[in-house]
C-alpha atoms as a PDB file:
ATOM      1  CA  MET A   1      -0.083  -0.033   0.014  1.00  0.00           C
ATOM      2  CA  ILE A   2       1.338   3.515  -0.812  1.00  0.00           C
ATOM      3  CA  ARG A   3       1.382   5.574   2.136  1.00  0.00           C
ATOM      4  CA  LYS A   4      -0.206   8.996   2.329  1.00  0.00           C
ATOM      5  CA  ILE A   5       1.830  11.321   4.425  1.00  0.00           C
ATOM      6  CA  ILE A   6       1.246  14.935   5.243  1.00  0.00           C
ATOM      7  CA  HIS A   7       3.725  17.366   6.696  1.00  0.00           C
ATOM      8  CA  ILE A   8       2.193  20.526   8.255  1.00  0.00           C
ATOM      9  CA  ASP A   9       4.472  23.622   9.072  1.00  0.00           C
ATOM     10  CA  MET A  10       3.041  26.796  10.452  1.00  0.00           C
ATOM     11  CA  ASP A  11       4.254  29.798   8.700  1.00  0.00           C
ATOM     12  CA  ALA A  12       6.658  31.752  10.878  1.00  0.00           C
ATOM     13  CA  PHE A  13       4.848  30.537  13.924  1.00  0.00           C
ATOM     14  CA  TYR A  14       6.011  32.611  16.814  1.00  0.00           C
ATOM     15  CA  ALA A  15       6.189  35.819  14.801  1.00  0.00           C
ATOM     16  CA  SER A  16       2.752  35.222  13.473  1.00  0.00           C
ATOM     17  CA  VAL A  17       1.272  34.702  16.830  1.00  0.00           C
ATOM     18  CA  GLU A  18       2.734  37.957  17.966  1.00  0.00           C
ATOM     19  CA  GLN A  19       1.266  39.779  14.806  1.00  0.00           C
ATOM     20  CA  ARG A  20      -2.043  38.157  15.378  1.00  0.00           C
ATOM     21  CA  ASP A  21      -2.204  39.178  18.946  1.00  0.00           C
ATOM     22  CA  ASN A  22      -0.683  42.716  18.356  1.00  0.00           C
ATOM     23  CA  PRO A  23      -2.389  44.367  15.338  1.00  0.00           C
ATOM     24  CA  GLU A  24       0.118  47.051  15.318  1.00  0.00           C
ATOM     25  CA  LEU A  25       2.790  44.654  14.455  1.00  0.00           C
ATOM     26  CA  ARG A  26       1.005  43.480  11.266  1.00  0.00           C
ATOM     27  CA  GLY A  27       2.790  44.207   7.994  1.00  0.00           C
ATOM     28  CA  MET A  28       5.893  45.107  10.126  1.00  0.00           C
ATOM     29  CA  PRO A  29       9.305  43.543  10.120  1.00  0.00           C
ATOM     30  CA  VAL A  30       9.238  41.496  13.551  1.00  0.00           C
ATOM     31  CA  ALA A  31      11.762  39.341  15.061  1.00  0.00           C
ATOM     32  CA  VAL A  32      11.008  37.182  18.125  1.00  0.00           C
ATOM     33  CA  GLY A  33      13.778  37.543  20.712  1.00  0.00           C
ATOM     34  CA  TRP A  34      15.822  40.058  22.640  1.00  0.00           C
ATOM     35  CA  ASP A  35      17.668  42.985  21.090  1.00  0.00           C
ATOM     36  CA  LYS A  36      20.877  42.187  23.020  1.00  0.00           C
ATOM     37  CA  GLU A  37      24.471  41.709  21.999  1.00  0.00           C
ATOM     38  CA  ARG A  38      24.523  38.029  22.958  1.00  0.00           C
ATOM     39  CA  SER A  39      20.888  37.140  21.767  1.00  0.00           C
ATOM     40  CA  VAL A  40      19.665  35.345  18.869  1.00  0.00           C
ATOM     41  CA  VAL A  41      16.461  35.688  16.706  1.00  0.00           C
ATOM     42  CA  CYS A  42      13.911  32.934  17.634  1.00  0.00           C
ATOM     43  CA  ALA A  43      11.672  33.623  14.726  1.00  0.00           C
ATOM     44  CA  ALA A  44      11.270  36.273  12.058  1.00  0.00           C
ATOM     45  CA  SER A  45       8.207  37.472  10.275  1.00  0.00           C
ATOM     46  CA  TYR A  46       8.018  37.229   6.375  1.00  0.00           C
ATOM     47  CA  GLU A  47       8.484  41.078   6.393  1.00  0.00           C
ATOM     48  CA  ALA A  48      11.794  40.804   8.339  1.00  0.00           C
ATOM     49  CA  ARG A  49      12.707  37.781   6.118  1.00  0.00           C
ATOM     50  CA  LYS A  50      12.791  39.972   3.101  1.00  0.00           C
ATOM     51  CA  TYR A  51      15.838  41.729   4.599  1.00  0.00           C
ATOM     52  CA  GLY A  52      17.558  38.439   5.241  1.00  0.00           C
ATOM     53  CA  VAL A  53      16.663  37.984   8.807  1.00  0.00           C
ATOM     54  CA  ARG A  54      16.455  34.374   9.898  1.00  0.00           C
ATOM     55  CA  SER A  55      15.845  32.468  13.026  1.00  0.00           C
ATOM     56  CA  ALA A  56      19.115  31.578  15.022  1.00  0.00           C
ATOM     57  CA  MET A  57      20.620  34.744  13.597  1.00  0.00           C
ATOM     58  CA  PRO A  58      22.610  36.807  16.210  1.00  0.00           C
ATOM     59  CA  SER A  59      20.207  39.741  17.113  1.00  0.00           C
ATOM     60  CA  VAL A  60      23.065  42.174  16.334  1.00  0.00           C
ATOM     61  CA  THR A  61      23.437  40.853  12.736  1.00  0.00           C
ATOM     62  CA  ALA A  62      19.522  40.978  12.331  1.00  0.00           C
ATOM     63  CA  ARG A  63      19.398  44.687  13.301  1.00  0.00           C
ATOM     64  CA  LYS A  64      22.225  45.489  10.781  1.00  0.00           C
ATOM     65  CA  LYS A  65      20.303  43.753   8.009  1.00  0.00           C
ATOM     66  CA  CYS A  66      16.968  45.441   9.084  1.00  0.00           C
ATOM     67  CA  PRO A  67      17.339  48.735  10.991  1.00  0.00           C
ATOM     68  CA  ASP A  68      13.676  48.965  11.357  1.00  0.00           C
ATOM     69  CA  LEU A  69      13.367  45.522  12.873  1.00  0.00           C
ATOM     70  CA  ILE A  70      10.933  45.290  15.822  1.00  0.00           C
ATOM     71  CA  PHE A  71      12.033  42.979  18.618  1.00  0.00           C
ATOM     72  CA  VAL A  72       9.286  41.200  20.611  1.00  0.00           C
ATOM     73  CA  LYS A  73      10.007  39.046  23.558  1.00  0.00           C
ATOM     74  CA  PRO A  74       8.810  35.397  23.306  1.00  0.00           C
ATOM     75  CA  HIS A  75       5.508  34.258  24.839  1.00  0.00           C
ATOM     76  CA  PHE A  76       6.025  30.626  24.915  1.00  0.00           C
ATOM     77  CA  GLU A  77       3.077  29.762  27.006  1.00  0.00           C
ATOM     78  CA  VAL A  78       0.942  31.307  24.253  1.00  0.00           C
ATOM     79  CA  TYR A  79       2.715  29.324  21.400  1.00  0.00           C
ATOM     80  CA  GLN A  80       2.160  26.101  23.439  1.00  0.00           C
ATOM     81  CA  LYS A  81      -1.507  26.790  23.848  1.00  0.00           C
ATOM     82  CA  VAL A  82      -1.964  27.473  20.154  1.00  0.00           C
ATOM     83  CA  SER A  83       0.234  24.339  19.384  1.00  0.00           C
ATOM     84  CA  LYS A  84      -2.296  22.248  21.400  1.00  0.00           C
ATOM     85  CA  GLN A  85      -5.103  23.653  19.485  1.00  0.00           C
ATOM     86  CA  ILE A  86      -3.531  22.762  16.245  1.00  0.00           C
ATOM     87  CA  ARG A  87      -2.744  19.222  17.590  1.00  0.00           C
ATOM     88  CA  GLN A  88      -6.334  18.701  18.309  1.00  0.00           C
ATOM     89  CA  ILE A  89      -7.217  19.376  14.660  1.00  0.00           C
ATOM     90  CA  PHE A  90      -4.601  16.912  13.606  1.00  0.00           C
ATOM     91  CA  LEU A  91      -6.131  14.151  15.774  1.00  0.00           C
ATOM     92  CA  GLU A  92      -9.544  14.704  14.188  1.00  0.00           C
ATOM     93  CA  TYR A  93      -8.148  13.032  11.145  1.00  0.00           C
ATOM     94  CA  THR A  94      -5.509  10.475  12.458  1.00  0.00           C
ATOM     95  CA  ASP A  95      -3.808   9.340  15.663  1.00  0.00           C
ATOM     96  CA  LEU A  96      -0.666   8.975  13.765  1.00  0.00           C
ATOM     97  CA  VAL A  97       0.687  12.390  14.381  1.00  0.00           C
ATOM     98  CA  GLU A  98       4.447  12.911  15.009  1.00  0.00           C
ATOM     99  CA  PRO A  99       5.286  16.384  16.133  1.00  0.00           C
ATOM    100  CA  LEU A 100       8.682  17.654  15.357  1.00  0.00           C
ATOM    101  CA  SER A 101       8.243  20.971  17.223  1.00  0.00           C
ATOM    102  CA  LEU A 102       5.574  23.315  18.361  1.00  0.00           C
ATOM    103  CA  ASP A 103       4.893  24.425  14.888  1.00  0.00           C
ATOM    104  CA  GLU A 104       5.242  21.365  12.637  1.00  0.00           C
ATOM    105  CA  ALA A 105       4.262  17.588  12.563  1.00  0.00           C
ATOM    106  CA  TYR A 106       3.920  14.533  10.257  1.00  0.00           C
ATOM    107  CA  LEU A 107       0.533  12.947   9.892  1.00  0.00           C
ATOM    108  CA  ASP A 108      -0.009   9.484   8.487  1.00  0.00           C
ATOM    109  CA  VAL A 109      -3.461   9.553   6.755  1.00  0.00           C
ATOM    110  CA  THR A 110      -3.338   6.324   4.727  1.00  0.00           C
ATOM    111  CA  GLU A 111      -6.121   5.335   6.932  1.00  0.00           C
ATOM    112  CA  ASN A 112      -7.945   8.165   8.474  1.00  0.00           C
ATOM    113  CA  LYS A 113     -10.825   8.640  10.846  1.00  0.00           C
ATOM    114  CA  LYS A 114     -12.963  10.364   8.336  1.00  0.00           C
ATOM    115  CA  ASN A 115     -12.402   7.805   5.434  1.00  0.00           C
ATOM    116  CA  ILE A 116     -11.291  10.592   3.173  1.00  0.00           C
ATOM    117  CA  ALA A 117      -9.506   8.921   0.098  1.00  0.00           C
ATOM    118  CA  SER A 118      -7.592  12.134  -0.787  1.00  0.00           C
ATOM    119  CA  ALA A 119      -4.651  13.095   1.494  1.00  0.00           C
ATOM    120  CA  THR A 120      -4.609  16.505  -0.503  1.00  0.00           C
ATOM    121  CA  LEU A 121      -8.163  17.043   0.500  1.00  0.00           C
ATOM    122  CA  ILE A 122      -7.376  16.325   4.136  1.00  0.00           C
ATOM    123  CA  ALA A 123      -4.383  18.698   4.075  1.00  0.00           C
ATOM    124  CA  SER A 124      -6.594  21.543   2.595  1.00  0.00           C
ATOM    125  CA  GLU A 125      -9.288  20.894   5.313  1.00  0.00           C
ATOM    126  CA  ILE A 126      -6.673  20.959   8.086  1.00  0.00           C
ATOM    127  CA  LYS A 127      -5.187  24.339   6.732  1.00  0.00           C
ATOM    128  CA  ASP A 128      -8.687  25.765   6.658  1.00  0.00           C
ATOM    129  CA  LYS A 129      -9.438  24.636  10.170  1.00  0.00           C
ATOM    130  CA  ILE A 130      -6.182  25.979  11.584  1.00  0.00           C
ATOM    131  CA  LYS A 131      -7.027  29.289  10.056  1.00  0.00           C
ATOM    132  CA  GLU A 132     -10.524  29.322  11.468  1.00  0.00           C
ATOM    133  CA  VAL A 133      -9.428  28.287  14.872  1.00  0.00           C
ATOM    134  CA  THR A 134      -6.230  30.111  15.422  1.00  0.00           C
ATOM    135  CA  GLY A 135      -6.262  32.825  12.806  1.00  0.00           C
ATOM    136  CA  LEU A 136      -2.904  31.584  11.446  1.00  0.00           C
ATOM    137  CA  THR A 137      -1.739  30.056   8.212  1.00  0.00           C
ATOM    138  CA  ALA A 138       0.019  26.771   7.611  1.00  0.00           C
ATOM    139  CA  SER A 139       1.735  25.228   4.733  1.00  0.00           C
ATOM    140  CA  ALA A 140       1.222  21.517   3.821  1.00  0.00           C
ATOM    141  CA  GLY A 141       3.402  19.021   2.079  1.00  0.00           C
ATOM    142  CA  VAL A 142       1.661  15.995   0.730  1.00  0.00           C
ATOM    143  CA  SER A 143       3.480  12.585  -0.549  1.00  0.00           C
ATOM    144  CA  TYR A 144       3.954   9.050  -0.114  1.00  0.00           C
ATOM    145  CA  ASN A 145       6.944   9.260   2.375  1.00  0.00           C
ATOM    146  CA  LYS A 146       8.127  11.785   5.197  1.00  0.00           C
ATOM    147  CA  PHE A 147      11.157  13.057   2.991  1.00  0.00           C
ATOM    148  CA  LEU A 148       9.038  14.285   0.130  1.00  0.00           C
ATOM    149  CA  ALA A 149       6.271  15.601   2.513  1.00  0.00           C
ATOM    150  CA  LYS A 150       8.721  17.658   4.416  1.00  0.00           C
ATOM    151  CA  ILE A 151      10.051  19.267   1.231  1.00  0.00           C
ATOM    152  CA  ALA A 152       6.816  19.721  -0.372  1.00  0.00           C
ATOM    153  CA  SER A 153       5.588  21.760   2.761  1.00  0.00           C
ATOM    154  CA  ASP A 154       8.310  24.340   2.152  1.00  0.00           C
ATOM    155  CA  TYR A 155       7.834  24.598  -1.531  1.00  0.00           C
ATOM    156  CA  GLN A 156       5.117  27.145  -1.846  1.00  0.00           C
ATOM    157  CA  LYS A 157       5.377  28.895   1.664  1.00  0.00           C
ATOM    158  CA  PRO A 158       3.664  30.849   2.963  1.00  0.00           C
ATOM    159  CA  ASN A 159       0.052  29.296   3.164  1.00  0.00           C
ATOM    160  CA  GLY A 160       1.040  26.811   0.501  1.00  0.00           C
ATOM    161  CA  LEU A 161      -0.232  23.281  -0.491  1.00  0.00           C
ATOM    162  CA  PHE A 162       2.106  21.263  -2.512  1.00  0.00           C
ATOM    163  CA  VAL A 163       1.741  17.591  -3.625  1.00  0.00           C
ATOM    164  CA  ILE A 164       4.307  15.148  -4.930  1.00  0.00           C
ATOM    165  CA  LYS A 165       2.723  12.263  -6.511  1.00  0.00           C
ATOM    166  CA  PRO A 166       4.639   8.917  -6.872  1.00  0.00           C
ATOM    167  CA  GLU A 167       4.697   9.306 -10.641  1.00  0.00           C
ATOM    168  CA  ASN A 168       6.160  12.586 -10.466  1.00  0.00           C
ATOM    169  CA  ALA A 169       8.649  11.906  -7.576  1.00  0.00           C
ATOM    170  CA  VAL A 170      11.750  10.646  -9.667  1.00  0.00           C
ATOM    171  CA  LYS A 171      11.842  13.735 -11.751  1.00  0.00           C
ATOM    172  CA  PHE A 172      11.199  16.156  -8.985  1.00  0.00           C
ATOM    173  CA  ILE A 173      14.154  14.565  -6.903  1.00  0.00           C
ATOM    174  CA  GLU A 174      16.401  14.602  -9.863  1.00  0.00           C
ATOM    175  CA  ASP A 175      16.057  18.367 -10.253  1.00  0.00           C
ATOM    176  CA  LEU A 176      16.146  19.272  -6.517  1.00  0.00           C
ATOM    177  CA  GLU A 177      19.210  21.217  -5.386  1.00  0.00           C
ATOM    178  CA  ILE A 178      21.374  19.358  -2.884  1.00  0.00           C
ATOM    179  CA  GLU A 179      20.809  22.235  -0.292  1.00  0.00           C
ATOM    180  CA  LYS A 180      17.124  21.515  -0.237  1.00  0.00           C
ATOM    181  CA  PHE A 181      17.338  17.845   0.668  1.00  0.00           C
ATOM    182  CA  HIS A 182      16.011  17.470   4.119  1.00  0.00           C
ATOM    183  CA  GLY A 183      18.833  15.959   6.164  1.00  0.00           C
ATOM    184  CA  ILE A 184      21.760  17.364   4.219  1.00  0.00           C
ATOM    185  CA  GLY A 185      23.349  20.256   6.096  1.00  0.00           C
ATOM    186  CA  LYS A 186      25.500  23.010   4.989  1.00  0.00           C
ATOM    187  CA  VAL A 187      28.942  21.293   5.702  1.00  0.00           C
ATOM    188  CA  THR A 188      27.700  18.035   3.940  1.00  0.00           C
ATOM    189  CA  ALA A 189      26.321  20.125   0.995  1.00  0.00           C
ATOM    190  CA  GLN A 190      29.712  21.862   0.656  1.00  0.00           C
ATOM    191  CA  LYS A 191      31.491  18.315   0.502  1.00  0.00           C
ATOM    192  CA  MET A 192      29.117  17.151  -1.988  1.00  0.00           C
ATOM    193  CA  HIS A 193      29.722  20.077  -4.276  1.00  0.00           C
ATOM    194  CA  LYS A 194      33.452  19.369  -4.163  1.00  0.00           C
ATOM    195  CA  LEU A 195      32.518  15.863  -5.377  1.00  0.00           C
ATOM    196  CA  GLY A 196      30.608  17.185  -8.191  1.00  0.00           C
ATOM    197  CA  ILE A 197      26.995  16.592  -6.548  1.00  0.00           C
ATOM    198  CA  HIS A 198      24.837  19.554  -7.060  1.00  0.00           C
ATOM    199  CA  LYS A 199      21.282  18.136  -7.574  1.00  0.00           C
ATOM    200  CA  GLY A 200      19.511  14.935  -6.903  1.00  0.00           C
ATOM    201  CA  GLN A 201      20.453  13.538 -10.298  1.00  0.00           C
ATOM    202  CA  ASP A 202      24.125  13.592  -9.361  1.00  0.00           C
ATOM    203  CA  LEU A 203      23.471  12.059  -6.005  1.00  0.00           C
ATOM    204  CA  LYS A 204      21.484   9.293  -7.740  1.00  0.00           C
ATOM    205  CA  LYS A 205      24.539   8.068  -9.815  1.00  0.00           C
ATOM    206  CA  ILE A 206      26.448   7.027  -6.656  1.00  0.00           C
ATOM    207  CA  ALA A 207      26.173   3.445  -5.587  1.00  0.00           C
ATOM    208  CA  GLU A 208      24.924   2.814  -2.057  1.00  0.00           C
ATOM    209  CA  ASN A 209      28.116   1.230  -0.699  1.00  0.00           C
ATOM    210  CA  GLU A 210      30.210   4.179  -2.167  1.00  0.00           C
ATOM    211  CA  MET A 211      27.637   6.463  -0.576  1.00  0.00           C
ATOM    212  CA  VAL A 212      28.347   4.808   2.867  1.00  0.00           C
ATOM    213  CA  ASN A 213      32.042   5.157   2.364  1.00  0.00           C
ATOM    214  CA  LEU A 214      31.762   8.853   1.606  1.00  0.00           C
ATOM    215  CA  PHE A 215      29.265   9.938   4.364  1.00  0.00           C
ATOM    216  CA  GLY A 216      29.270   7.193   6.915  1.00  0.00           C
ATOM    217  CA  LYS A 217      26.081   6.040   8.520  1.00  0.00           C
ATOM    218  CA  HIS A 218      24.057   8.854   6.840  1.00  0.00           C
ATOM    219  CA  GLY A 219      25.071   7.456   3.373  1.00  0.00           C
ATOM    220  CA  ALA A 220      22.360   4.871   3.168  1.00  0.00           C
ATOM    221  CA  TYR A 221      19.782   7.518   3.894  1.00  0.00           C
ATOM    222  CA  TYR A 222      21.150   9.781   1.284  1.00  0.00           C
ATOM    223  CA  TYR A 223      21.009   6.832  -1.230  1.00  0.00           C
ATOM    224  CA  GLY A 224      17.472   5.923  -0.282  1.00  0.00           C
ATOM    225  CA  VAL A 225      15.999   9.521  -0.654  1.00  0.00           C
ATOM    226  CA  ALA A 226      17.865  10.187  -3.859  1.00  0.00           C
ATOM    227  CA  ASN A 227      16.073   7.254  -5.353  1.00  0.00           C
ATOM    228  CA  GLY A 228      12.698   8.332  -3.623  1.00  0.00           C
ATOM    229  CA  ILE A 229      12.768   5.714  -0.906  1.00  0.00           C
ATOM    230  CA  ASP A 230      12.012   6.742   2.769  1.00  0.00           C
ATOM    231  CA  GLU A 231      10.614   3.909   4.726  1.00  0.00           C
ATOM    232  CA  ARG A 232      10.568   5.777   7.979  1.00  0.00           C
ATOM    233  CA  ALA A 233       7.084   5.524   9.658  1.00  0.00           C
ATOM    234  CA  VAL A 234       5.226   8.376  11.362  1.00  0.00           C
ATOM    235  CA  ILE A 235       5.744   7.611  15.220  1.00  0.00           C
ATOM    236  CA  ALA A 236       2.873   8.984  17.168  1.00  0.00           C
ATOM    237  CA  HIS A 237       4.829   9.074  20.564  1.00  0.00           C
ATOM    238  CA  ARG A 238       8.595   9.335  20.951  1.00  0.00           C
ATOM    239  CA  GLU A 239      10.028   9.215  24.502  1.00  0.00           C
ATOM    240  CA  ARG A 240      12.196  12.163  25.407  1.00  0.00           C
ATOM    241  CA  LYS A 241      15.967  11.231  25.527  1.00  0.00           C
ATOM    242  CA  SER A 242      17.185  14.035  27.682  1.00  0.00           C
ATOM    243  CA  LEU A 243      16.102  16.896  29.801  1.00  0.00           C
ATOM    244  CA  GLY A 244      18.297  20.018  30.114  1.00  0.00           C
ATOM    245  CA  THR A 245      18.663  23.650  30.436  1.00  0.00           C
ATOM    246  CA  GLU A 246      21.463  26.169  29.355  1.00  0.00           C
ATOM    247  CA  TYR A 247      22.127  29.788  29.504  1.00  0.00           C
ATOM    248  CA  THR A 248      24.159  32.217  27.071  1.00  0.00           C
ATOM    249  CA  PHE A 249      25.681  35.046  29.192  1.00  0.00           C
ATOM    250  CA  ASP A 250      25.624  38.672  28.185  1.00  0.00           C
ATOM    251  CA  LYS A 251      29.189  38.870  29.247  1.00  0.00           C
ATOM    252  CA  ASP A 252      31.818  35.985  28.908  1.00  0.00           C
ATOM    253  CA  LEU A 253      32.886  34.323  32.284  1.00  0.00           C
ATOM    254  CA  THR A 254      36.544  34.484  33.052  1.00  0.00           C
ATOM    255  CA  LYS A 255      36.706  33.737  36.598  1.00  0.00           C
ATOM    256  CA  LYS A 256      36.068  30.211  38.289  1.00  0.00           C
ATOM    257  CA  PHE A 257      33.937  31.680  40.849  1.00  0.00           C
ATOM    258  CA  GLU A 258      31.599  33.157  38.271  1.00  0.00           C
ATOM    259  CA  VAL A 259      31.248  29.814  36.669  1.00  0.00           C
ATOM    260  CA  ILE A 260      30.522  28.288  39.940  1.00  0.00           C
ATOM    261  CA  ALA A 261      27.701  30.830  40.726  1.00  0.00           C
ATOM    262  CA  GLU A 262      26.106  30.578  37.470  1.00  0.00           C
ATOM    263  CA  LEU A 263      26.265  26.889  37.250  1.00  0.00           C
ATOM    264  CA  TYR A 264      24.535  26.631  40.684  1.00  0.00           C
ATOM    265  CA  LYS A 265      21.693  28.594  39.202  1.00  0.00           C
ATOM    266  CA  ILE A 266      21.428  26.224  36.228  1.00  0.00           C
ATOM    267  CA  GLU A 267      21.679  23.193  38.652  1.00  0.00           C
ATOM    268  CA  LYS A 268      18.604  24.734  40.757  1.00  0.00           C
ATOM    269  CA  HIS A 269      16.582  25.038  37.483  1.00  0.00           C
ATOM    270  CA  LEU A 270      17.406  21.557  36.182  1.00  0.00           C
ATOM    271  CA  MET A 271      16.350  20.182  39.523  1.00  0.00           C
ATOM    272  CA  GLU A 272      13.199  21.973  39.384  1.00  0.00           C
ATOM    273  CA  MET A 273      12.492  20.538  35.836  1.00  0.00           C
ATOM    274  CA  ILE A 274      13.315  16.957  37.037  1.00  0.00           C
ATOM    275  CA  GLU A 275      11.141  17.184  40.094  1.00  0.00           C
ATOM    276  CA  LYS A 276       8.225  18.675  38.185  1.00  0.00           C
ATOM    277  CA  TYR A 277       8.197  16.269  35.249  1.00  0.00           C
ATOM    278  CA  HIS A 278       9.598  13.161  37.256  1.00  0.00           C
ATOM    279  CA  TYR A 279      12.606  12.644  34.759  1.00  0.00           C
ATOM    280  CA  PHE A 280      14.966  10.731  36.924  1.00  0.00           C
ATOM    281  CA  GLY A 281      18.153   9.713  35.014  1.00  0.00           C
ATOM    282  CA  LYS A 282      21.477   8.130  35.753  1.00  0.00           C
ATOM    283  CA  THR A 283      23.726  10.285  33.411  1.00  0.00           C
ATOM    284  CA  LEU A 284      24.517  14.077  33.802  1.00  0.00           C
ATOM    285  CA  THR A 285      26.199  16.057  30.993  1.00  0.00           C
ATOM    286  CA  LEU A 286      27.904  19.427  31.309  1.00  0.00           C
ATOM    287  CA  LYS A 287      28.059  21.530  28.236  1.00  0.00           C
ATOM    288  CA  VAL A 288      30.513  24.407  28.043  1.00  0.00           C
ATOM    289  CA  LYS A 289      30.782  26.686  24.997  1.00  0.00           C
ATOM    290  CA  TYR A 290      33.811  29.281  24.780  1.00  0.00           C
ATOM    291  CA  ALA A 291      34.033  32.634  23.347  1.00  0.00           C
ATOM    292  CA  ASP A 292      35.441  31.219  20.135  1.00  0.00           C
ATOM    293  CA  PHE A 293      32.355  28.893  19.859  1.00  0.00           C
ATOM    294  CA  LYS A 294      34.370  25.878  20.624  1.00  0.00           C
ATOM    295  CA  GLN A 295      32.237  23.495  22.627  1.00  0.00           C
ATOM    296  CA  HIS A 296      33.082  20.889  25.147  1.00  0.00           C
ATOM    297  CA  THR A 297      30.831  18.238  26.892  1.00  0.00           C
ATOM    298  CA  ARG A 298      31.571  16.114  29.857  1.00  0.00           C
ATOM    299  CA  SER A 299      29.283  13.215  30.958  1.00  0.00           C
ATOM    300  CA  LYS A 300      29.114  10.964  34.266  1.00  0.00           C
ATOM    301  CA  THR A 301      26.957   8.114  34.604  1.00  0.00           C
ATOM    302  CA  LEU A 302      25.965   6.823  38.033  1.00  0.00           C
ATOM    303  CA  ASN A 303      24.526   3.406  39.283  1.00  0.00           C
ATOM    304  CA  ILE A 304      21.657   5.218  40.939  1.00  0.00           C
ATOM    305  CA  ASP A 305      19.099   7.932  39.758  1.00  0.00           C
ATOM    306  CA  ILE A 306      19.924  11.584  40.122  1.00  0.00           C
ATOM    307  CA  ASN A 307      16.766  12.345  42.057  1.00  0.00           C
ATOM    308  CA  ASN A 308      17.769  15.056  44.629  1.00  0.00           C
ATOM    309  CA  PHE A 309      19.856  18.280  44.450  1.00  0.00           C
ATOM    310  CA  GLN A 310      22.711  17.003  46.625  1.00  0.00           C
ATOM    311  CA  ILE A 311      23.396  14.408  44.120  1.00  0.00           C
ATOM    312  CA  LEU A 312      23.180  16.554  41.206  1.00  0.00           C
ATOM    313  CA  HIS A 313      25.335  19.161  42.760  1.00  0.00           C
ATOM    314  CA  SER A 314      27.860  16.520  43.519  1.00  0.00           C
ATOM    315  CA  VAL A 315      28.126  15.182  40.090  1.00  0.00           C
ATOM    316  CA  THR A 316      28.159  18.697  38.618  1.00  0.00           C
ATOM    317  CA  ARG A 317      31.201  19.527  40.774  1.00  0.00           C
ATOM    318  CA  ASP A 318      33.042  16.423  39.657  1.00  0.00           C
ATOM    319  CA  LEU A 319      32.328  17.371  35.785  1.00  0.00           C
ATOM    320  CA  LEU A 320      33.540  20.905  36.483  1.00  0.00           C
ATOM    321  CA  LYS A 321      36.918  19.671  37.568  1.00  0.00           C
ATOM    322  CA  SER A 322      37.556  18.626  33.870  1.00  0.00           C
ATOM    323  CA  ILE A 323      36.726  22.063  32.541  1.00  0.00           C
ATOM    324  CA  SER A 324      39.520  24.744  31.898  1.00  0.00           C
ATOM    325  CA  PHE A 325      38.728  28.362  32.798  1.00  0.00           C
ATOM    326  CA  ASN A 326      41.827  30.577  31.984  1.00  0.00           C
ATOM    327  CA  ASP A 327      43.944  28.160  29.998  1.00  0.00           C
ATOM    328  CA  ASN A 328      44.988  29.948  26.639  1.00  0.00           C
ATOM    329  CA  ASN A 329      42.815  32.770  27.794  1.00  0.00           C
ATOM    330  CA  GLN A 330      39.570  30.904  27.404  1.00  0.00           C
ATOM    331  CA  LYS A 331      36.408  32.801  28.056  1.00  0.00           C
ATOM    332  CA  ILE A 332      33.007  30.896  28.697  1.00  0.00           C
ATOM    333  CA  ARG A 333      29.812  32.204  26.813  1.00  0.00           C
ATOM    334  CA  LEU A 334      27.569  29.422  27.556  1.00  0.00           C
ATOM    335  CA  LEU A 335      26.940  26.830  30.334  1.00  0.00           C
ATOM    336  CA  GLY A 336      24.323  24.046  30.293  1.00  0.00           C
ATOM    337  CA  LEU A 337      23.343  20.815  32.174  1.00  0.00           C
ATOM    338  CA  SER A 338      21.245  17.933  30.839  1.00  0.00           C
ATOM    339  CA  ILE A 339      20.010  14.718  32.276  1.00  0.00           C
ATOM    340  CA  SER A 340      19.541  11.536  30.527  1.00  0.00           C
ATOM    341  CA  ASN A 341      19.723   7.695  30.704  1.00  0.00           C
ATOM    342  CA  PHE A 342      16.202   7.654  32.282  1.00  0.00           C
ATOM    343  CA  ASN A 343      15.564   4.602  34.551  1.00  0.00           C
ATOM    344  CA  CYS A 344      11.921   5.212  35.645  1.00  0.00           C
ATOM    345  CA  PHE A 345       9.714   7.460  33.493  1.00  0.00           C
ATOM    346  CA  HIS A 346       6.680   8.841  35.210  1.00  0.00           C
ATOM    347  CA  ALA A 347       5.823  11.871  33.142  1.00  0.00           C
ATOM    348  CA  LYS A 348       2.934  13.658  34.623  1.00  0.00           C
ATOM    349  CA  ASN A 349       1.999  15.369  31.332  1.00  0.00           C
ATOM    350  CA  GLU A 350       1.600  13.283  28.276  1.00  0.00           C
ATOM    351  CA  GLN A 351       2.532  16.396  26.218  1.00  0.00           C
ATOM    352  CA  LEU A 352       6.002  16.223  27.555  1.00  0.00           C
ATOM    353  CA  VAL A 353       6.515  12.651  26.129  1.00  0.00           C
ATOM    354  CA  LEU A 354       6.482  14.150  22.752  1.00  0.00           C
ATOM    355  CA  LEU A 355       9.659  15.864  21.186  1.00  0.00           C
ATOM    356  CA  LEU A 356       8.647  19.351  20.933  1.00  0.00           C
END
């Protein structure tokens, strides 16, 4: 049976919510984030994107690209509420919903609750309902696998609906630029260009064993999607692998006492999250990013759960001993802690089971 997969992606989600709730922002270049030297843009409206402003871009760079850019602080509780409304719409059609984030998800509608034969019709109905319920627009991609559905949803943004039928897939993939392949990042794309691979038709010429030799474990995936093959199923529930928190500082940390003080705050925050959601694990990981953006991580695994602050603080202190502070004039711009290797999973809120 040929599967019917839909990928729904909200259009500039955070920024669109802010423009919806603040009429004075409509039609204006908006960036969700903080206008600070060390901050980054969480999301950008389409008006801001015309100037080259993108998510994850340093706020300073965004301001240079668009001097009239309006920064709005994030309201994550609102985004989560809207995301739940959208999720309920998905569940009217199928229980096979795989969220990728608050603003996008895969749906398998091969068999659906409304017995609608056309996945395109379902995607159109979902888009209309999202607009009716939330006042926001979404883009949808429809195809027979996740790879093509994901690409299709981005093809006619914003408020787009694009379908890649099985009979058109081979030609579509052959003409697709490597940079637009989902799963091929900037570094890999550059490597492919050096090898003379610029489009899907170039990638398709490489044998699977050679692809694996060139790109390691990802090679088999590249070979498959270049030939229109992606057998990944839509997974309705995915257990969280880790729980963590991190902080980027306005000014680099240069003294050990500064690091200890800031890390203590992060420890307290992480412990609050662990206790709130009952994510007790055995492995703690310390993440350190220096001013030159080099990143180091250190992990320690216990034979018991890290279920109280005394244990967490003790393990953090041990991990901290392996981190350099002033060696080679190192300055620290980010610290983070995460817990993993969960033993007993007792999430209070089913929403947290999903990888959002």
